[in-house]
Amino acid sequence: MLILGIETATPQVGVAIGGHEGVLASFHSTRDRRHAETLAPAIGFVCEQARVELSEIGVVAVDTGPGLFTGLRVGLATAKVIANALRVPMIGVSSLDLVAFPARWTDRLIVSTVDARRGEVFYAFYRRVPGGVQRLAPPSVVGPGELADQLVALGEDALIVGDGGQRHEGILGDIQGVELAREGFRFPGAGALVELAHPRALREEFVPAWEITPTYLREPDAQPNWQQRPDR
């Protein structure tokens, strides 16, 4: 069973194809939120590199956020169009799960973060479990100072992964027992998306395309101001 993974929740666009043999091909690019322009060519490139026709895809996996509103919409819309056209099921995975997954080797508390802009951070806590990581509570959004207070109160060794922690290094980087991961831990990865989706696909934990929804956690950054809009 071949899985197409689409990840667009952050400034990075990621696409990967894989299955029981692991990840066959992947593509990642950060081009200043040019998700719409980058995604379709990236899917074609990954199919070519994996020597796979798009019609051979059996499952479409997609990052459901939290993350950038525009990026999420582009990725989800594209994933649903492909799934519907191929008549294949979908699997949705949280961006915070994807950021935490590469840190599954550590025994420390894993603090997965995604930059939420507006001086805030999307985050969730994880623990290492056999074969991966387990989220301890639902994702949330807070200011970095509040997250720092939580880590100080916990008083245990922790590893912060993701661009949210890196963006607020001045606040989160000086906490005793807390380390900020850097290279390889900045954005969610499409390869991790395929790896996490594969066992769920084997268990047939599929979701119809119309039931896949984005995780926003707050209102969009830009909204029309109807009260100030003149009548026509």
Protein backbone atom coordinates (compact mmCIF):
# COMPACT_ATOMS: atom_id res chain seq x y z
CA MET A 1 0.00 0.00 0.00
CA LEU A 2 1.57 3.26 -1.13
CA ILE A 3 0.95 6.42 0.90
CA LEU A 4 1.22 9.98 -0.38
CA GLY A 5 2.03 12.39 2.45
CA ILE A 6 1.31 16.13 2.10
CA GLU A 7 2.58 18.57 4.72
CA THR A 8 1.96 22.34 4.45
CA ALA A 9 1.18 23.51 7.99
CA THR A 10 4.30 25.67 8.35
CA PRO A 11 6.45 27.79 5.99
CA GLN A 12 7.80 24.48 4.68
CA VAL A 13 6.10 22.44 1.96
CA GLY A 14 6.71 18.71 2.24
CA VAL A 15 5.66 15.75 0.10
CA ALA A 16 6.66 12.10 0.48
CA ILE A 17 5.71 8.69 -0.85
CA GLY A 18 6.26 5.45 1.04
CA GLY A 19 4.85 2.20 2.32
CA HIS A 20 6.03 -1.02 3.94
CA GLU A 21 9.54 -0.41 2.55
CA GLY A 22 9.70 2.98 4.27
CA VAL A 23 9.94 6.36 2.58
CA LEU A 24 10.68 5.95 -1.11
CA ALA A 25 11.08 9.64 -1.98
CA SER A 26 10.53 13.01 -0.32
CA PHE A 27 10.69 16.72 -1.08
CA HIS A 28 10.88 19.69 1.27
CA SER A 29 11.11 23.39 0.43
CA THR A 30 10.73 26.65 2.31
CA ARG A 31 9.90 29.48 -0.09
CA ASP A 32 8.17 32.23 1.88
CA ARG A 33 4.71 30.63 2.08
CA ARG A 34 4.50 29.83 -1.64
CA HIS A 35 2.56 26.68 -0.83
CA ALA A 36 0.14 26.79 -3.77
CA GLU A 37 2.90 27.33 -6.35
CA THR A 38 5.18 24.66 -4.88
CA LEU A 39 2.87 21.80 -3.93
CA ALA A 40 1.67 20.46 -7.29
CA PRO A 41 5.17 20.36 -8.89
CA ALA A 42 6.48 18.77 -5.68
CA ILE A 43 3.95 15.93 -5.94
CA GLY A 44 4.95 15.31 -9.54
CA PHE A 45 8.66 15.36 -8.61
CA VAL A 46 8.24 12.88 -5.77
CA CYS A 47 6.24 10.50 -7.95
CA GLU A 48 8.99 10.65 -10.57
CA GLN A 49 11.75 10.04 -8.02
CA ALA A 50 9.88 7.10 -6.48
CA ARG A 51 9.03 5.76 -9.96
CA VAL A 52 5.39 5.66 -8.95
CA GLU A 53 2.33 6.76 -10.90
CA LEU A 54 -0.12 8.87 -8.93
CA SER A 55 -2.78 6.30 -9.77
CA GLU A 56 -0.85 3.73 -7.69
CA ILE A 57 -1.40 5.69 -4.45
CA GLY A 58 -3.64 3.80 -2.02
CA VAL A 59 -3.88 6.34 0.84
CA VAL A 60 -3.45 10.10 1.11
CA ALA A 61 -2.06 11.33 4.44
CA VAL A 62 -2.16 15.02 5.31
CA ASP A 63 -0.95 17.31 8.09
CA THR A 64 -4.05 18.74 9.79
CA GLY A 65 -2.30 21.40 11.86
CA PRO A 66 -2.16 23.47 13.92
CA GLY A 67 -0.17 25.85 11.76
CA LEU A 68 -0.45 28.56 9.13
CA PHE A 69 -4.03 29.09 7.97
CA THR A 70 -3.24 29.51 4.28
CA GLY A 71 -0.79 26.62 4.21
CA LEU A 72 -3.25 24.29 5.91
CA ARG A 73 -6.01 25.19 3.47
CA VAL A 74 -3.77 24.57 0.45
CA GLY A 75 -2.55 21.21 1.73
CA LEU A 76 -5.94 19.94 2.83
CA ALA A 77 -7.67 21.04 -0.36
CA THR A 78 -5.03 19.39 -2.54
CA ALA A 79 -5.04 16.19 -0.49
CA LYS A 80 -8.83 15.94 -0.68
CA VAL A 81 -8.90 16.54 -4.43
CA ILE A 82 -6.35 13.75 -4.98
CA ALA A 83 -8.12 11.35 -2.60
CA ASN A 84 -11.47 11.98 -4.26
CA ALA A 85 -10.04 11.65 -7.77
CA LEU A 86 -8.32 8.37 -6.92
CA ARG A 87 -11.21 7.20 -4.70
CA VAL A 88 -8.83 6.35 -1.88
CA PRO A 89 -9.15 6.97 1.89
CA MET A 90 -7.32 9.59 3.93
CA ILE A 91 -5.43 9.78 7.21
CA GLY A 92 -4.93 13.05 9.11
CA VAL A 93 -1.98 13.61 11.44
CA SER A 94 -1.27 16.57 13.75
CA SER A 95 1.67 18.81 12.87
CA LEU A 96 2.79 18.59 16.51
CA ASP A 97 2.88 14.78 16.28
CA LEU A 98 5.09 15.13 13.21
CA VAL A 99 7.47 17.54 14.94
CA ALA A 100 7.73 15.29 18.01
CA PHE A 101 8.25 12.02 16.12
CA PRO A 102 11.96 12.51 15.21
CA ALA A 103 12.71 13.02 18.93
CA ARG A 104 11.37 9.55 19.86
CA TRP A 105 14.85 8.46 20.93
CA THR A 106 14.93 10.71 24.03
CA ASP A 107 13.75 9.76 27.51
CA ARG A 108 13.13 13.40 28.34
CA LEU A 109 9.78 15.15 28.16
CA ILE A 110 9.29 16.19 24.52
CA VAL A 111 7.81 19.65 24.01
CA SER A 112 6.62 19.90 20.42
CA THR A 113 6.09 23.46 19.17
CA VAL A 114 4.92 25.24 16.03
CA ASP A 115 5.26 29.01 15.66
CA ALA A 116 1.73 30.46 15.94
CA ARG A 117 2.80 34.05 15.12
CA ARG A 118 1.21 36.90 17.14
CA GLY A 119 3.82 36.14 19.83
CA GLU A 120 2.27 32.73 20.57
CA VAL A 121 3.20 29.06 20.28
CA PHE A 122 1.19 25.96 19.39
CA TYR A 123 2.45 23.16 21.62
CA ALA A 124 1.87 19.73 23.16
CA PHE A 125 3.81 17.48 25.53
CA TYR A 126 4.92 13.96 24.51
CA ARG A 127 6.58 10.90 26.01
CA ARG A 128 8.59 8.22 24.32
CA VAL A 129 6.72 4.92 23.85
CA PRO A 130 7.70 1.75 21.96
CA GLY A 131 7.78 2.61 18.28
CA GLY A 132 7.21 6.34 18.63
CA VAL A 133 5.82 9.03 20.92
CA GLN A 134 2.54 9.56 22.79
CA ARG A 135 0.83 12.90 23.23
CA LEU A 136 -0.05 13.62 26.86
CA ALA A 137 -2.79 16.22 26.31
CA PRO A 138 -4.57 17.98 23.43
CA PRO A 139 -2.64 20.69 21.53
CA SER A 140 -2.93 24.21 22.87
CA VAL A 141 -1.77 27.75 22.08
CA VAL A 142 -0.06 30.03 24.64
CA GLY A 143 2.50 32.77 24.89
CA PRO A 144 6.10 31.60 25.27
CA GLY A 145 6.24 33.05 28.77
CA GLU A 146 3.33 30.87 29.88
CA LEU A 147 4.94 27.81 28.31
CA ALA A 148 8.18 28.65 30.13
CA ASP A 149 6.28 28.90 33.43
CA GLN A 150 4.79 25.44 32.85
CA LEU A 151 8.21 23.93 32.20
CA VAL A 152 9.68 25.57 35.30
CA ALA A 153 6.78 24.28 37.38
CA LEU A 154 7.26 20.74 36.03
CA GLY A 155 10.93 20.88 36.95
CA GLU A 156 12.05 18.00 34.74
CA ASP A 157 14.44 17.57 31.86
CA ALA A 158 12.78 18.44 28.56
CA LEU A 159 13.64 18.69 24.88
CA ILE A 160 11.88 21.45 22.91
CA VAL A 161 11.47 20.72 19.19
CA GLY A 162 9.96 22.82 16.42
CA ASP A 163 10.18 26.36 15.09
CA GLY A 164 8.01 27.75 17.89
CA GLY A 165 10.71 27.03 20.44
CA GLN A 166 13.45 28.31 18.15
CA ARG A 167 11.59 31.57 17.50
CA HIS A 168 11.33 32.25 21.23
CA GLU A 169 14.77 30.99 22.20
CA GLY A 170 15.35 34.05 24.38
CA ILE A 171 12.49 33.02 26.68
CA LEU A 172 12.62 29.22 26.46
CA GLY A 173 16.34 28.63 26.00
CA ASP A 174 17.53 29.52 29.51
CA ILE A 175 15.31 27.19 31.54
CA GLN A 176 17.33 24.78 33.66
CA GLY A 177 17.16 21.22 32.34
CA VAL A 178 15.54 22.29 29.06
CA GLU A 179 17.30 21.93 25.70
CA LEU A 180 16.28 23.45 22.38
CA ALA A 181 16.74 21.01 19.49
CA ARG A 182 18.00 22.62 16.29
CA GLU A 183 19.01 20.98 13.00
CA GLY A 184 16.46 18.47 11.76
CA PHE A 185 13.82 19.48 14.29
CA ARG A 186 12.50 22.77 12.91
CA PHE A 187 9.46 21.78 10.82
CA PRO A 188 7.10 18.80 10.46
CA GLY A 189 8.43 16.31 7.94
CA ALA A 190 6.54 14.61 5.13
CA GLY A 191 8.63 11.49 5.68
CA ALA A 192 7.48 11.34 9.30
CA LEU A 193 3.91 11.79 8.04
CA VAL A 194 4.22 8.69 5.85
CA GLU A 195 5.87 6.72 8.67
CA LEU A 196 3.12 7.60 11.17
CA ALA A 197 0.33 7.00 8.67
CA HIS A 198 1.56 3.56 7.59
CA PRO A 199 0.66 1.57 10.76
CA ARG A 200 -2.69 3.34 10.88
CA ALA A 201 -3.29 2.36 7.26
CA LEU A 202 -2.51 -1.27 8.10
CA ARG A 203 -5.12 -1.07 10.88
CA GLU A 204 -7.50 0.53 8.35
CA GLU A 205 -7.93 3.63 10.53
CA PHE A 206 -9.10 5.63 7.56
CA VAL A 207 -11.16 8.82 7.48
CA PRO A 208 -13.40 9.91 4.59
CA ALA A 209 -12.14 13.04 2.86
CA TRP A 210 -15.13 15.11 3.95
CA GLU A 211 -14.39 14.35 7.63
CA ILE A 212 -10.80 15.63 7.53
CA THR A 213 -10.76 19.08 9.11
CA PRO A 214 -7.93 21.47 10.04
CA THR A 215 -6.91 22.14 13.63
CA TYR A 216 -6.73 25.92 13.97
CA LEU A 217 -6.95 26.48 17.80
CA ARG A 218 -7.75 30.17 17.22
CA GLU A 219 -9.30 32.60 14.74
CA PRO A 220 -7.47 33.52 11.50
CA ASP A 221 -4.90 36.34 11.54
CA ALA A 222 -6.81 38.33 8.91
CA GLN A 223 -10.59 38.73 8.99
CA PRO A 224 -12.91 41.16 7.18
CA ASN A 225 -14.07 44.04 9.35
CA TRP A 226 -17.73 44.10 8.41
CA GLN A 227 -18.56 46.89 10.85
CA GLN A 228 -16.25 49.33 9.09
CA ARG A 229 -17.11 48.20 5.57
CA PRO A 230 -19.26 50.84 3.82
CA ASP A 231 -22.69 49.84 2.58
CA ARG A 232 -23.15 49.52 -1.15
